[in-house]
Amino acid sequence: MSWFSNAFPVTPLALGLEISFAVLLLIALTGFLNHHYHFISQIRDWVSLPASQHTG
């Protein structure tokens, strides 16, 4: 299964821990990507502004 199964016997508890760990990892990853893309779009908006508005 994964590295988790090597440390714990395959019981419903270990399986639930592994699933919840994977879900948390997925949520953290998507949250990071959303923040990252939002940051990139902000930079793109800032760059597309006229140069006269940059100094201010």
PDB file of N, CA and C in Angstrom:
ATOM      1  N   MET A   1       0.832  -1.186   0.000  1.00  0.00           N
ATOM      2  CA  MET A   1       0.000   0.000   0.000  1.00  0.00           C
ATOM      3  C   MET A   1       0.885   1.260   0.000  1.00  0.00           C
ATOM      4  N   SER A   2       1.499   1.561   1.118  1.00  0.00           N
ATOM      5  CA  SER A   2       2.385   2.713   1.177  1.00  0.00           C
ATOM      6  C   SER A   2       3.325   2.541   2.362  1.00  0.00           C
ATOM      7  N   TRP A   3       4.100   3.584   2.617  1.00  0.00           N
ATOM      8  CA  TRP A   3       5.034   3.509   3.734  1.00  0.00           C
ATOM      9  C   TRP A   3       4.304   3.402   5.059  1.00  0.00           C
ATOM     10  N   PHE A   4       3.054   3.843   5.096  1.00  0.00           N
ATOM     11  CA  PHE A   4       2.273   3.793   6.323  1.00  0.00           C
ATOM     12  C   PHE A   4       2.009   2.354   6.744  1.00  0.00           C
ATOM     13  N   SER A   5       1.799   1.473   5.752  1.00  0.00           N
ATOM     14  CA  SER A   5       1.477   0.083   6.048  1.00  0.00           C
ATOM     15  C   SER A   5       2.691  -0.655   6.599  1.00  0.00           C
ATOM     16  N   ASN A   6       3.879  -0.150   6.330  1.00  0.00           N
ATOM     17  CA  ASN A   6       5.076  -0.785   6.858  1.00  0.00           C
ATOM     18  C   ASN A   6       5.235  -0.509   8.348  1.00  0.00           C
ATOM     19  N   ALA A   7       4.761   0.644   8.787  1.00  0.00           N
ATOM     20  CA  ALA A   7       4.916   1.024  10.184  1.00  0.00           C
ATOM     21  C   ALA A   7       3.794   0.473  11.053  1.00  0.00           C
ATOM     22  N   PHE A   8       2.611   0.296  10.483  1.00  0.00           N
ATOM     23  CA  PHE A   8       1.457  -0.160  11.247  1.00  0.00           C
ATOM     24  C   PHE A   8       0.858  -1.402  10.606  1.00  0.00           C
ATOM     25  N   PRO A   9       0.281  -2.284  11.418  1.00  0.00           N
ATOM     26  CA  PRO A   9      -0.499  -3.383  10.851  1.00  0.00           C
ATOM     27  C   PRO A   9      -1.730  -2.819  10.147  1.00  0.00           C
ATOM     28  N   VAL A  10      -2.165  -3.507   9.109  1.00  0.00           N
ATOM     29  CA  VAL A  10      -3.299  -3.005   8.332  1.00  0.00           C
ATOM     30  C   VAL A  10      -4.581  -3.263   9.101  1.00  0.00           C
ATOM     31  N   THR A  11      -4.990  -2.278   9.870  1.00  0.00           N
ATOM     32  CA  THR A  11      -6.237  -2.337  10.625  1.00  0.00           C
ATOM     33  C   THR A  11      -7.113  -1.191  10.149  1.00  0.00           C
ATOM     34  N   PRO A  12      -8.400  -1.219  10.438  1.00  0.00           N
ATOM     35  CA  PRO A  12      -9.268  -0.097  10.060  1.00  0.00           C
ATOM     36  C   PRO A  12      -8.752   1.241  10.580  1.00  0.00           C
ATOM     37  N   LEU A  13      -8.144   1.232  11.769  1.00  0.00           N
ATOM     38  CA  LEU A  13      -7.612   2.474  12.330  1.00  0.00           C
ATOM     39  C   LEU A  13      -6.451   2.994  11.492  1.00  0.00           C
ATOM     40  N   ALA A  14      -5.520   2.109  11.154  1.00  0.00           N
ATOM     41  CA  ALA A  14      -4.371   2.516  10.351  1.00  0.00           C
ATOM     42  C   ALA A  14      -4.820   2.954   8.965  1.00  0.00           C
ATOM     43  N   LEU A  15      -5.807   2.256   8.426  1.00  0.00           N
ATOM     44  CA  LEU A  15      -6.327   2.617   7.110  1.00  0.00           C
ATOM     45  C   LEU A  15      -6.978   3.999   7.161  1.00  0.00           C
ATOM     46  N   GLY A  16      -7.738   4.264   8.225  1.00  0.00           N
ATOM     47  CA  GLY A  16      -8.374   5.567   8.383  1.00  0.00           C
ATOM     48  C   GLY A  16      -7.342   6.670   8.549  1.00  0.00           C
ATOM     49  N   LEU A  17      -6.269   6.374   9.289  1.00  0.00           N
ATOM     50  CA  LEU A  17      -5.205   7.359   9.466  1.00  0.00           C
ATOM     51  C   LEU A  17      -4.532   7.667   8.139  1.00  0.00           C
ATOM     52  N   GLU A  18      -4.301   6.620   7.365  1.00  0.00           N
ATOM     53  CA  GLU A  18      -3.630   6.803   6.085  1.00  0.00           C
ATOM     54  C   GLU A  18      -4.495   7.623   5.128  1.00  0.00           C
ATOM     55  N   ILE A  19      -5.789   7.317   5.107  1.00  0.00           N
ATOM     56  CA  ILE A  19      -6.711   8.042   4.232  1.00  0.00           C
ATOM     57  C   ILE A  19      -6.811   9.507   4.654  1.00  0.00           C
ATOM     58  N   SER A  20      -6.946   9.740   5.962  1.00  0.00           N
ATOM     59  CA  SER A  20      -7.069  11.119   6.441  1.00  0.00           C
ATOM     60  C   SER A  20      -5.775  11.897   6.194  1.00  0.00           C
ATOM     61  N   PHE A  21      -4.638  11.205   6.312  1.00  0.00           N
ATOM     62  CA  PHE A  21      -3.353  11.848   6.037  1.00  0.00           C
ATOM     63  C   PHE A  21      -3.257  12.245   4.564  1.00  0.00           C
ATOM     64  N   ALA A  22      -3.705  11.351   3.678  1.00  0.00           N
ATOM     65  CA  ALA A  22      -3.683  11.634   2.243  1.00  0.00           C
ATOM     66  C   ALA A  22      -4.613  12.798   1.905  1.00  0.00           C
ATOM     67  N   VAL A  23      -5.788  12.830   2.557  1.00  0.00           N
ATOM     68  CA  VAL A  23      -6.750  13.907   2.307  1.00  0.00           C
ATOM     69  C   VAL A  23      -6.183  15.250   2.782  1.00  0.00           C
ATOM     70  N   LEU A  24      -5.561  15.245   3.961  1.00  0.00           N
ATOM     71  CA  LEU A  24      -4.960  16.478   4.473  1.00  0.00           C
ATOM     72  C   LEU A  24      -3.846  16.967   3.556  1.00  0.00           C
ATOM     73  N   LEU A  25      -3.052  16.024   3.048  1.00  0.00           N
ATOM     74  CA  LEU A  25      -1.970  16.376   2.142  1.00  0.00           C
ATOM     75  C   LEU A  25      -2.526  16.983   0.862  1.00  0.00           C
ATOM     76  N   LEU A  26      -3.611  16.401   0.359  1.00  0.00           N
ATOM     77  CA  LEU A  26      -4.249  16.894  -0.861  1.00  0.00           C
ATOM     78  C   LEU A  26      -4.803  18.305  -0.650  1.00  0.00           C
ATOM     79  N   ILE A  27      -5.449  18.520   0.506  1.00  0.00           N
ATOM     80  CA  ILE A  27      -6.013  19.839   0.819  1.00  0.00           C
ATOM     81  C   ILE A  27      -4.898  20.887   0.926  1.00  0.00           C
ATOM     82  N   ALA A  28      -3.812  20.518   1.587  1.00  0.00           N
ATOM     83  CA  ALA A  28      -2.698  21.447   1.733  1.00  0.00           C
ATOM     84  C   ALA A  28      -2.084  21.779   0.376  1.00  0.00           C
ATOM     85  N   LEU A  29      -1.979  20.757  -0.479  1.00  0.00           N
ATOM     86  CA  LEU A  29      -1.381  20.962  -1.795  1.00  0.00           C
ATOM     87  C   LEU A  29      -2.246  21.868  -2.659  1.00  0.00           C
ATOM     88  N   THR A  30      -3.552  21.621  -2.679  1.00  0.00           N
ATOM     89  CA  THR A  30      -4.449  22.450  -3.491  1.00  0.00           C
ATOM     90  C   THR A  30      -4.501  23.875  -2.944  1.00  0.00           C
ATOM     91  N   GLY A  31      -4.480  24.021  -1.621  1.00  0.00           N
ATOM     92  CA  GLY A  31      -4.475  25.349  -1.021  1.00  0.00           C
ATOM     93  C   GLY A  31      -3.217  26.118  -1.396  1.00  0.00           C
ATOM     94  N   PHE A  32      -2.080  25.414  -1.380  1.00  0.00           N
ATOM     95  CA  PHE A  32      -0.816  26.050  -1.754  1.00  0.00           C
ATOM     96  C   PHE A  32      -0.834  26.462  -3.225  1.00  0.00           C
ATOM     97  N   LEU A  33      -1.355  25.579  -4.088  1.00  0.00           N
ATOM     98  CA  LEU A  33      -1.404  25.881  -5.520  1.00  0.00           C
ATOM     99  C   LEU A  33      -2.339  27.047  -5.798  1.00  0.00           C
ATOM    100  N   ASN A  34      -3.485  27.084  -5.121  1.00  0.00           N
ATOM    101  CA  ASN A  34      -4.428  28.188  -5.307  1.00  0.00           C
ATOM    102  C   ASN A  34      -3.789  29.511  -4.900  1.00  0.00           C
ATOM    103  N   HIS A  35      -3.095  29.515  -3.769  1.00  0.00           N
ATOM    104  CA  HIS A  35      -2.426  30.720  -3.297  1.00  0.00           C
ATOM    105  C   HIS A  35      -1.325  31.128  -4.276  1.00  0.00           C
ATOM    106  N   HIS A  36      -0.592  30.142  -4.776  1.00  0.00           N
ATOM    107  CA  HIS A  36       0.515  30.393  -5.690  1.00  0.00           C
ATOM    108  C   HIS A  36       0.000  31.006  -6.989  1.00  0.00           C
ATOM    109  N   TYR A  37      -1.069  30.437  -7.526  1.00  0.00           N
ATOM    110  CA  TYR A  37      -1.616  30.954  -8.779  1.00  0.00           C
ATOM    111  C   TYR A  37      -2.223  32.345  -8.578  1.00  0.00           C
ATOM    112  N   HIS A  38      -2.817  32.578  -7.428  1.00  0.00           N
ATOM    113  CA  HIS A  38      -3.359  33.904  -7.133  1.00  0.00           C
ATOM    114  C   HIS A  38      -2.224  34.928  -7.080  1.00  0.00           C
ATOM    115  N   PHE A  39      -1.112  34.529  -6.488  1.00  0.00           N
ATOM    116  CA  PHE A  39       0.056  35.393  -6.387  1.00  0.00           C
ATOM    117  C   PHE A  39       0.605  35.707  -7.781  1.00  0.00           C
ATOM    118  N   ILE A  40       0.663  34.690  -8.649  1.00  0.00           N
ATOM    119  CA  ILE A  40       1.155  34.875 -10.018  1.00  0.00           C
ATOM    120  C   ILE A  40       0.245  35.823 -10.788  1.00  0.00           C
ATOM    121  N   SER A  41      -1.065  35.669 -10.637  1.00  0.00           N
ATOM    122  CA  SER A  41      -2.002  36.541 -11.349  1.00  0.00           C
ATOM    123  C   SER A  41      -1.893  37.984 -10.840  1.00  0.00           C
ATOM    124  N   GLN A  42      -1.606  38.150  -9.541  1.00  0.00           N
ATOM    125  CA  GLN A  42      -1.410  39.497  -9.006  1.00  0.00           C
ATOM    126  C   GLN A  42      -0.174  40.146  -9.619  1.00  0.00           C
ATOM    127  N   ILE A  43       0.891  39.377  -9.743  1.00  0.00           N
ATOM    128  CA  ILE A  43       2.116  39.896 -10.358  1.00  0.00           C
ATOM    129  C   ILE A  43       1.850  40.259 -11.817  1.00  0.00           C
ATOM    130  N   ARG A  44       1.106  39.408 -12.508  1.00  0.00           N
ATOM    131  CA  ARG A  44       0.797  39.662 -13.916  1.00  0.00           C
ATOM    132  C   ARG A  44      -0.022  40.952 -14.056  1.00  0.00           C
ATOM    133  N   ASP A  45      -0.969  41.159 -13.137  1.00  0.00           N
ATOM    134  CA  ASP A  45      -1.765  42.391 -13.160  1.00  0.00           C
ATOM    135  C   ASP A  45      -0.871  43.612 -12.908  1.00  0.00           C
ATOM    136  N   TRP A  46       0.047  43.467 -11.960  1.00  0.00           N
ATOM    137  CA  TRP A  46       0.929  44.575 -11.616  1.00  0.00           C
ATOM    138  C   TRP A  46       1.849  44.915 -12.787  1.00  0.00           C
ATOM    139  N   VAL A  47       2.356  43.883 -13.479  1.00  0.00           N
ATOM    140  CA  VAL A  47       3.263  44.091 -14.603  1.00  0.00           C
ATOM    141  C   VAL A  47       2.530  44.723 -15.785  1.00  0.00           C
ATOM    142  N   SER A  48       1.265  44.373 -15.953  1.00  0.00           N
ATOM    143  CA  SER A  48       0.507  44.886 -17.098  1.00  0.00           C
ATOM    144  C   SER A  48       0.055  46.336 -16.906  1.00  0.00           C
ATOM    145  N   LEU A  49       0.250  46.883 -15.716  1.00  0.00           N
ATOM    146  CA  LEU A  49      -0.099  48.286 -15.485  1.00  0.00           C
ATOM    147  C   LEU A  49       0.868  49.200 -16.243  1.00  0.00           C
ATOM    148  N   PRO A  50       0.431  50.395 -16.573  1.00  0.00           N
ATOM    149  CA  PRO A  50       1.355  51.371 -17.181  1.00  0.00           C
ATOM    150  C   PRO A  50       2.525  51.664 -16.243  1.00  0.00           C
ATOM    151  N   ALA A  51       3.673  51.934 -16.806  1.00  0.00           N
ATOM    152  CA  ALA A  51       4.879  52.141 -16.008  1.00  0.00           C
ATOM    153  C   ALA A  51       4.749  53.362 -15.106  1.00  0.00           C
ATOM    154  N   SER A  52       3.910  54.308 -15.479  1.00  0.00           N
ATOM    155  CA  SER A  52       3.748  55.520 -14.683  1.00  0.00           C
ATOM    156  C   SER A  52       3.097  55.220 -13.335  1.00  0.00           C
ATOM    157  N   GLN A  53       2.300  54.135 -13.269  1.00  0.00           N
ATOM    158  CA  GLN A  53       1.623  53.799 -12.018  1.00  0.00           C
ATOM    159  C   GLN A  53       2.518  52.977 -11.088  1.00  0.00           C
ATOM    160  N   HIS A  54       3.634  52.482 -11.608  1.00  0.00           N
ATOM    161  CA  HIS A  54       4.524  51.700 -10.763  1.00  0.00           C
ATOM    162  C   HIS A  54       5.209  52.576  -9.725  1.00  0.00           C
ATOM    163  N   THR A  55       5.515  53.790 -10.094  1.00  0.00           N
ATOM    164  CA  THR A  55       6.163  54.694  -9.146  1.00  0.00           C
ATOM    165  C   THR A  55       5.080  55.447  -8.382  1.00  0.00           C
ATOM    166  N   GLY A  56       4.819  54.966  -7.165  1.00  0.00           N
ATOM    167  CA  GLY A  56       3.758  55.651  -6.457  1.00  0.00           C
ATOM    168  C   GLY A  56       3.413  55.020  -5.162  1.00  0.00           C
TER     169      GLY A  56
END
